[in-house]
Amino acid sequence: MSILKLRAPMDEVLLSDKEWQAISCQLGLSGRELEILRCAANGEKELSIANQLAISFHTVHTHLHRLYRKLGVSNRMEAVVLVFRTYIALNRQQSSVPGNREYFPSDRAAA
């Protein structure tokens, strides 16, 4: 069971498409790598990902291992943690932009 499924109901979307795209750009992922990573983050196994994307199990396995190498991680959990660390970092950057209604100069001084 995925650690993410422990926290969120099954029908709840963890990240929007826009957030996934921002993470993909930040990490330098291709469209297919992003699809594979999204499925992996949802706790899907290789066979389930293969069926969903209409590719072979071995292709999914290869994509995952190349993705791990590209991200500098060694397994699915580390990849998911990296995704959410990137998400948090992107949100901090956006919230520290002047003109953003969540911007507080005192937060910037404390960082």
N, C-alpha and C. Protein backbone atom coordinates (compact mmCIF):
# COMPACT_ATOMS: atom_id res chain seq x y z
N MET A 1 0.84 -1.18 0.00
CA MET A 1 0.00 0.00 0.00
C MET A 1 0.88 1.24 0.00
N SER A 2 0.49 2.19 -0.78
CA SER A 2 1.23 3.45 -0.87
C SER A 2 1.05 4.27 0.38
N ILE A 3 2.11 4.94 0.80
CA ILE A 3 2.03 5.83 1.95
C ILE A 3 1.04 6.96 1.67
N LEU A 4 0.91 7.35 0.41
CA LEU A 4 -0.02 8.42 0.06
C LEU A 4 -1.47 7.99 0.27
N LYS A 5 -1.76 6.72 0.06
CA LYS A 5 -3.11 6.22 0.23
C LYS A 5 -3.51 6.17 1.70
N LEU A 6 -2.53 6.14 2.59
CA LEU A 6 -2.83 6.17 4.01
C LEU A 6 -3.38 7.52 4.43
N ARG A 7 -2.98 8.57 3.74
CA ARG A 7 -3.34 9.93 4.11
C ARG A 7 -4.55 10.49 3.35
N ALA A 8 -4.73 10.08 2.11
CA ALA A 8 -5.76 10.68 1.27
C ALA A 8 -6.78 9.64 0.84
N PRO A 9 -8.05 10.03 0.80
CA PRO A 9 -9.06 9.11 0.28
C PRO A 9 -8.74 8.75 -1.18
N MET A 10 -9.14 7.57 -1.61
CA MET A 10 -8.81 7.07 -2.93
C MET A 10 -9.27 7.99 -4.06
N ASP A 11 -10.41 8.66 -3.90
CA ASP A 11 -10.93 9.48 -4.97
C ASP A 11 -10.39 10.91 -4.94
N GLU A 12 -9.61 11.25 -3.94
CA GLU A 12 -9.07 12.60 -3.83
C GLU A 12 -7.82 12.75 -4.70
N VAL A 13 -7.77 13.83 -5.47
CA VAL A 13 -6.62 14.11 -6.33
C VAL A 13 -5.54 14.76 -5.47
N LEU A 14 -4.35 14.19 -5.48
CA LEU A 14 -3.27 14.71 -4.63
C LEU A 14 -2.70 16.01 -5.18
N LEU A 15 -2.46 16.04 -6.47
CA LEU A 15 -1.92 17.24 -7.12
C LEU A 15 -2.69 17.49 -8.41
N SER A 16 -2.86 18.75 -8.75
CA SER A 16 -3.56 19.09 -9.99
C SER A 16 -2.62 18.84 -11.19
N ASP A 17 -3.20 18.84 -12.37
CA ASP A 17 -2.39 18.69 -13.59
C ASP A 17 -1.37 19.81 -13.70
N LYS A 18 -1.77 21.02 -13.35
CA LYS A 18 -0.86 22.16 -13.40
C LYS A 18 0.32 21.97 -12.43
N GLU A 19 0.05 21.45 -11.25
CA GLU A 19 1.12 21.20 -10.28
C GLU A 19 2.07 20.11 -10.77
N TRP A 20 1.50 19.05 -11.36
CA TRP A 20 2.34 17.99 -11.91
C TRP A 20 3.23 18.53 -13.04
N GLN A 21 2.67 19.39 -13.89
CA GLN A 21 3.45 19.97 -14.98
C GLN A 21 4.59 20.82 -14.45
N ALA A 22 4.33 21.59 -13.39
CA ALA A 22 5.38 22.42 -12.79
C ALA A 22 6.49 21.54 -12.22
N ILE A 23 6.11 20.46 -11.57
CA ILE A 23 7.10 19.53 -11.01
C ILE A 23 7.90 18.88 -12.14
N SER A 24 7.20 18.49 -13.21
CA SER A 24 7.85 17.88 -14.36
C SER A 24 8.89 18.82 -14.96
N CYS A 25 8.54 20.09 -15.12
CA CYS A 25 9.48 21.07 -15.67
C CYS A 25 10.68 21.24 -14.74
N GLN A 26 10.41 21.33 -13.44
CA GLN A 26 11.48 21.52 -12.46
C GLN A 26 12.45 20.34 -12.46
N LEU A 27 11.93 19.12 -12.62
CA LEU A 27 12.76 17.92 -12.59
C LEU A 27 13.28 17.51 -13.97
N GLY A 28 12.80 18.16 -15.03
CA GLY A 28 13.26 17.85 -16.38
C GLY A 28 12.75 16.52 -16.90
N LEU A 29 11.47 16.23 -16.66
CA LEU A 29 10.90 14.96 -17.08
C LEU A 29 10.19 15.07 -18.43
N SER A 30 10.22 13.97 -19.17
CA SER A 30 9.46 13.90 -20.41
C SER A 30 8.00 13.62 -20.07
N GLY A 31 7.14 13.71 -21.08
CA GLY A 31 5.72 13.43 -20.87
C GLY A 31 5.47 12.01 -20.38
N ARG A 32 6.14 11.03 -20.98
CA ARG A 32 5.96 9.63 -20.58
C ARG A 32 6.50 9.39 -19.17
N GLU A 33 7.65 10.01 -18.87
CA GLU A 33 8.21 9.86 -17.52
C GLU A 33 7.24 10.42 -16.48
N LEU A 34 6.60 11.53 -16.82
CA LEU A 34 5.62 12.13 -15.91
C LEU A 34 4.43 11.19 -15.70
N GLU A 35 3.94 10.59 -16.78
CA GLU A 35 2.82 9.65 -16.66
C GLU A 35 3.18 8.48 -15.75
N ILE A 36 4.36 7.93 -15.96
CA ILE A 36 4.82 6.79 -15.15
C ILE A 36 4.95 7.21 -13.69
N LEU A 37 5.55 8.37 -13.45
CA LEU A 37 5.76 8.86 -12.08
C LEU A 37 4.43 9.12 -11.38
N ARG A 38 3.48 9.70 -12.09
CA ARG A 38 2.16 9.95 -11.50
C ARG A 38 1.49 8.64 -11.08
N CYS A 39 1.58 7.64 -11.92
CA CYS A 39 1.00 6.34 -11.58
C CYS A 39 1.72 5.72 -10.39
N ALA A 40 3.04 5.81 -10.38
CA ALA A 40 3.82 5.26 -9.27
C ALA A 40 3.49 5.99 -7.97
N ALA A 41 3.32 7.31 -8.04
CA ALA A 41 2.98 8.09 -6.85
C ALA A 41 1.60 7.73 -6.31
N ASN A 42 0.74 7.24 -7.19
CA ASN A 42 -0.59 6.80 -6.77
C ASN A 42 -0.58 5.37 -6.23
N GLY A 43 0.60 4.77 -6.18
CA GLY A 43 0.74 3.44 -5.60
C GLY A 43 0.48 2.29 -6.56
N GLU A 44 0.37 2.60 -7.84
CA GLU A 44 0.12 1.55 -8.82
C GLU A 44 1.38 0.73 -9.07
N LYS A 45 1.21 -0.56 -9.26
CA LYS A 45 2.31 -1.47 -9.56
C LYS A 45 2.59 -1.47 -11.07
N GLU A 46 3.73 -2.06 -11.45
CA GLU A 46 4.15 -2.05 -12.84
C GLU A 46 3.09 -2.61 -13.79
N LEU A 47 2.46 -3.73 -13.42
CA LEU A 47 1.47 -4.35 -14.29
C LEU A 47 0.25 -3.45 -14.47
N SER A 48 -0.17 -2.81 -13.41
CA SER A 48 -1.31 -1.89 -13.48
C SER A 48 -0.97 -0.68 -14.36
N ILE A 49 0.23 -0.16 -14.21
CA ILE A 49 0.67 0.98 -15.03
C ILE A 49 0.72 0.56 -16.50
N ALA A 50 1.25 -0.63 -16.75
CA ALA A 50 1.34 -1.14 -18.13
C ALA A 50 -0.05 -1.24 -18.76
N ASN A 51 -1.00 -1.78 -18.02
CA ASN A 51 -2.36 -1.91 -18.54
C ASN A 51 -2.99 -0.54 -18.79
N GLN A 52 -2.79 0.38 -17.87
CA GLN A 52 -3.38 1.71 -18.00
C GLN A 52 -2.82 2.49 -19.18
N LEU A 53 -1.50 2.36 -19.41
CA LEU A 53 -0.85 3.11 -20.48
C LEU A 53 -0.70 2.32 -21.78
N ALA A 54 -1.20 1.09 -21.78
CA ALA A 54 -1.15 0.21 -22.96
C ALA A 54 0.27 -0.02 -23.46
N ILE A 55 1.16 -0.32 -22.52
CA ILE A 55 2.54 -0.68 -22.83
C ILE A 55 2.88 -1.95 -22.06
N SER A 56 4.01 -2.57 -22.36
CA SER A 56 4.36 -3.82 -21.69
C SER A 56 4.90 -3.57 -20.28
N PHE A 57 4.80 -4.61 -19.48
CA PHE A 57 5.34 -4.59 -18.12
C PHE A 57 6.83 -4.23 -18.14
N HIS A 58 7.57 -4.82 -19.07
CA HIS A 58 9.01 -4.58 -19.15
C HIS A 58 9.32 -3.13 -19.53
N THR A 59 8.48 -2.54 -20.37
CA THR A 59 8.66 -1.14 -20.73
C THR A 59 8.48 -0.24 -19.51
N VAL A 60 7.46 -0.54 -18.72
CA VAL A 60 7.23 0.23 -17.49
C VAL A 60 8.42 0.07 -16.56
N HIS A 61 8.88 -1.16 -16.40
CA HIS A 61 10.03 -1.44 -15.53
C HIS A 61 11.25 -0.64 -15.99
N THR A 62 11.50 -0.61 -17.29
CA THR A 62 12.62 0.14 -17.85
C THR A 62 12.45 1.63 -17.62
N HIS A 63 11.24 2.14 -17.87
CA HIS A 63 10.97 3.57 -17.63
C HIS A 63 11.23 3.93 -16.17
N LEU A 64 10.75 3.10 -15.26
CA LEU A 64 10.94 3.39 -13.83
C LEU A 64 12.42 3.45 -13.47
N HIS A 65 13.19 2.49 -13.94
CA HIS A 65 14.61 2.47 -13.58
C HIS A 65 15.37 3.64 -14.21
N ARG A 66 15.01 4.02 -15.42
CA ARG A 66 15.63 5.20 -16.03
C ARG A 66 15.22 6.47 -15.29
N LEU A 67 13.98 6.51 -14.86
CA LEU A 67 13.48 7.65 -14.09
C LEU A 67 14.22 7.75 -12.76
N TYR A 68 14.42 6.62 -12.08
CA TYR A 68 15.17 6.64 -10.81
C TYR A 68 16.58 7.18 -11.03
N ARG A 69 17.22 6.71 -12.10
CA ARG A 69 18.57 7.17 -12.40
C ARG A 69 18.58 8.67 -12.69
N LYS A 70 17.62 9.14 -13.46
CA LYS A 70 17.53 10.55 -13.82
C LYS A 70 17.31 11.43 -12.59
N LEU A 71 16.49 10.94 -11.66
CA LEU A 71 16.20 11.71 -10.45
C LEU A 71 17.24 11.52 -9.35
N GLY A 72 18.11 10.56 -9.52
CA GLY A 72 19.14 10.30 -8.52
C GLY A 72 18.59 9.60 -7.28
N VAL A 73 17.60 8.75 -7.49
CA VAL A 73 17.00 7.99 -6.40
C VAL A 73 17.14 6.50 -6.71
N SER A 74 16.83 5.67 -5.72
CA SER A 74 17.00 4.24 -5.95
C SER A 74 15.71 3.44 -5.89
N ASN A 75 14.60 4.08 -5.53
CA ASN A 75 13.34 3.35 -5.50
C ASN A 75 12.15 4.29 -5.61
N ARG A 76 10.98 3.70 -5.67
CA ARG A 76 9.74 4.44 -5.86
C ARG A 76 9.48 5.41 -4.72
N MET A 77 9.71 5.00 -3.50
CA MET A 77 9.45 5.86 -2.35
C MET A 77 10.33 7.11 -2.40
N GLU A 78 11.59 6.95 -2.71
CA GLU A 78 12.48 8.10 -2.81
C GLU A 78 12.04 9.04 -3.94
N ALA A 79 11.54 8.48 -5.03
CA ALA A 79 11.05 9.30 -6.14
C ALA A 79 9.84 10.12 -5.72
N VAL A 80 8.92 9.50 -4.99
CA VAL A 80 7.73 10.20 -4.53
C VAL A 80 8.10 11.29 -3.52
N VAL A 81 9.02 10.99 -2.63
CA VAL A 81 9.48 11.99 -1.67
C VAL A 81 10.10 13.17 -2.41
N LEU A 82 10.90 12.90 -3.43
CA LEU A 82 11.51 13.96 -4.22
C LEU A 82 10.43 14.82 -4.91
N VAL A 83 9.39 14.19 -5.43
CA VAL A 83 8.29 14.93 -6.06
C VAL A 83 7.67 15.90 -5.06
N PHE A 84 7.39 15.43 -3.87
CA PHE A 84 6.72 16.31 -2.91
C PHE A 84 7.67 17.35 -2.31
N ARG A 85 8.93 17.05 -2.22
CA ARG A 85 9.90 18.08 -1.82
C ARG A 85 9.97 19.17 -2.89
N THR A 86 9.94 18.76 -4.14
CA THR A 86 9.94 19.73 -5.24
C THR A 86 8.67 20.56 -5.21
N TYR A 87 7.54 19.92 -4.96
CA TYR A 87 6.26 20.61 -4.86
C TYR A 87 6.29 21.66 -3.75
N ILE A 88 6.81 21.29 -2.60
CA ILE A 88 6.90 22.22 -1.47
C ILE A 88 7.82 23.38 -1.81
N ALA A 89 8.96 23.09 -2.44
CA ALA A 89 9.90 24.14 -2.81
C ALA A 89 9.28 25.11 -3.82
N LEU A 90 8.54 24.58 -4.79
CA LEU A 90 7.87 25.43 -5.77
C LEU A 90 6.83 26.33 -5.10
N ASN A 91 6.09 25.79 -4.14
CA ASN A 91 5.10 26.59 -3.43
C ASN A 91 5.75 27.67 -2.59
N ARG A 92 6.89 27.38 -2.00
CA ARG A 92 7.60 28.40 -1.22
C ARG A 92 8.09 29.52 -2.12
N GLN A 93 8.58 29.16 -3.31
CA GLN A 93 9.03 30.18 -4.26
C GLN A 93 7.88 31.08 -4.66
N GLN A 94 6.73 30.49 -4.95
CA GLN A 94 5.58 31.26 -5.39
C GLN A 94 5.05 32.15 -4.27
N SER A 95 5.08 31.66 -3.04
CA SER A 95 4.54 32.45 -1.94
C SER A 95 5.47 33.58 -1.52
N SER A 96 6.73 33.54 -1.97
CA SER A 96 7.67 34.60 -1.59
C SER A 96 7.77 35.69 -2.66
N VAL A 97 6.95 35.58 -3.69
CA VAL A 97 6.96 36.58 -4.76
C VAL A 97 6.15 37.80 -4.32
N PRO A 98 6.75 39.01 -4.35
CA PRO A 98 5.97 40.20 -4.00
C PRO A 98 4.75 40.33 -4.91
N GLY A 99 3.65 40.76 -4.35
CA GLY A 99 2.42 40.86 -5.12
C GLY A 99 1.53 39.65 -4.93
N ASN A 100 2.10 38.56 -4.45
CA ASN A 100 1.30 37.39 -4.13
C ASN A 100 0.60 37.66 -2.81
N ARG A 101 -0.68 37.37 -2.73
CA ARG A 101 -1.42 37.71 -1.52
C ARG A 101 -0.95 36.92 -0.31
N GLU A 102 -0.16 35.87 -0.51
CA GLU A 102 0.38 35.09 0.61
C GLU A 102 1.78 35.58 0.99
N TYR A 103 2.25 36.62 0.36
CA TYR A 103 3.60 37.13 0.60
C TYR A 103 3.65 37.94 1.88
N PHE A 104 4.59 37.60 2.72
CA PHE A 104 4.82 38.34 3.95
C PHE A 104 6.31 38.62 4.06
N PRO A 105 6.75 39.88 4.00
CA PRO A 105 8.18 40.19 4.06
C PRO A 105 8.86 39.60 5.30
N SER A 106 8.16 39.49 6.40
CA SER A 106 8.77 38.94 7.62
C SER A 106 9.16 37.50 7.43
N ASP A 107 8.39 36.73 6.62
CA ASP A 107 8.75 35.35 6.33
C ASP A 107 10.05 35.27 5.56
N ARG A 108 10.25 36.19 4.65
CA ARG A 108 11.45 36.20 3.85
C ARG A 108 12.68 36.49 4.70
N ALA A 109 12.58 37.38 5.66
CA ALA A 109 13.69 37.73 6.52
C ALA A 109 14.07 36.56 7.43
N ALA A 110 13.08 35.76 7.81
CA ALA A 110 13.34 34.63 8.70
C ALA A 110 14.01 33.48 7.97
N ALA A 111 13.86 33.40 6.65
CA ALA A 111 14.40 32.27 5.87
C ALA A 111 15.88 32.31 5.72
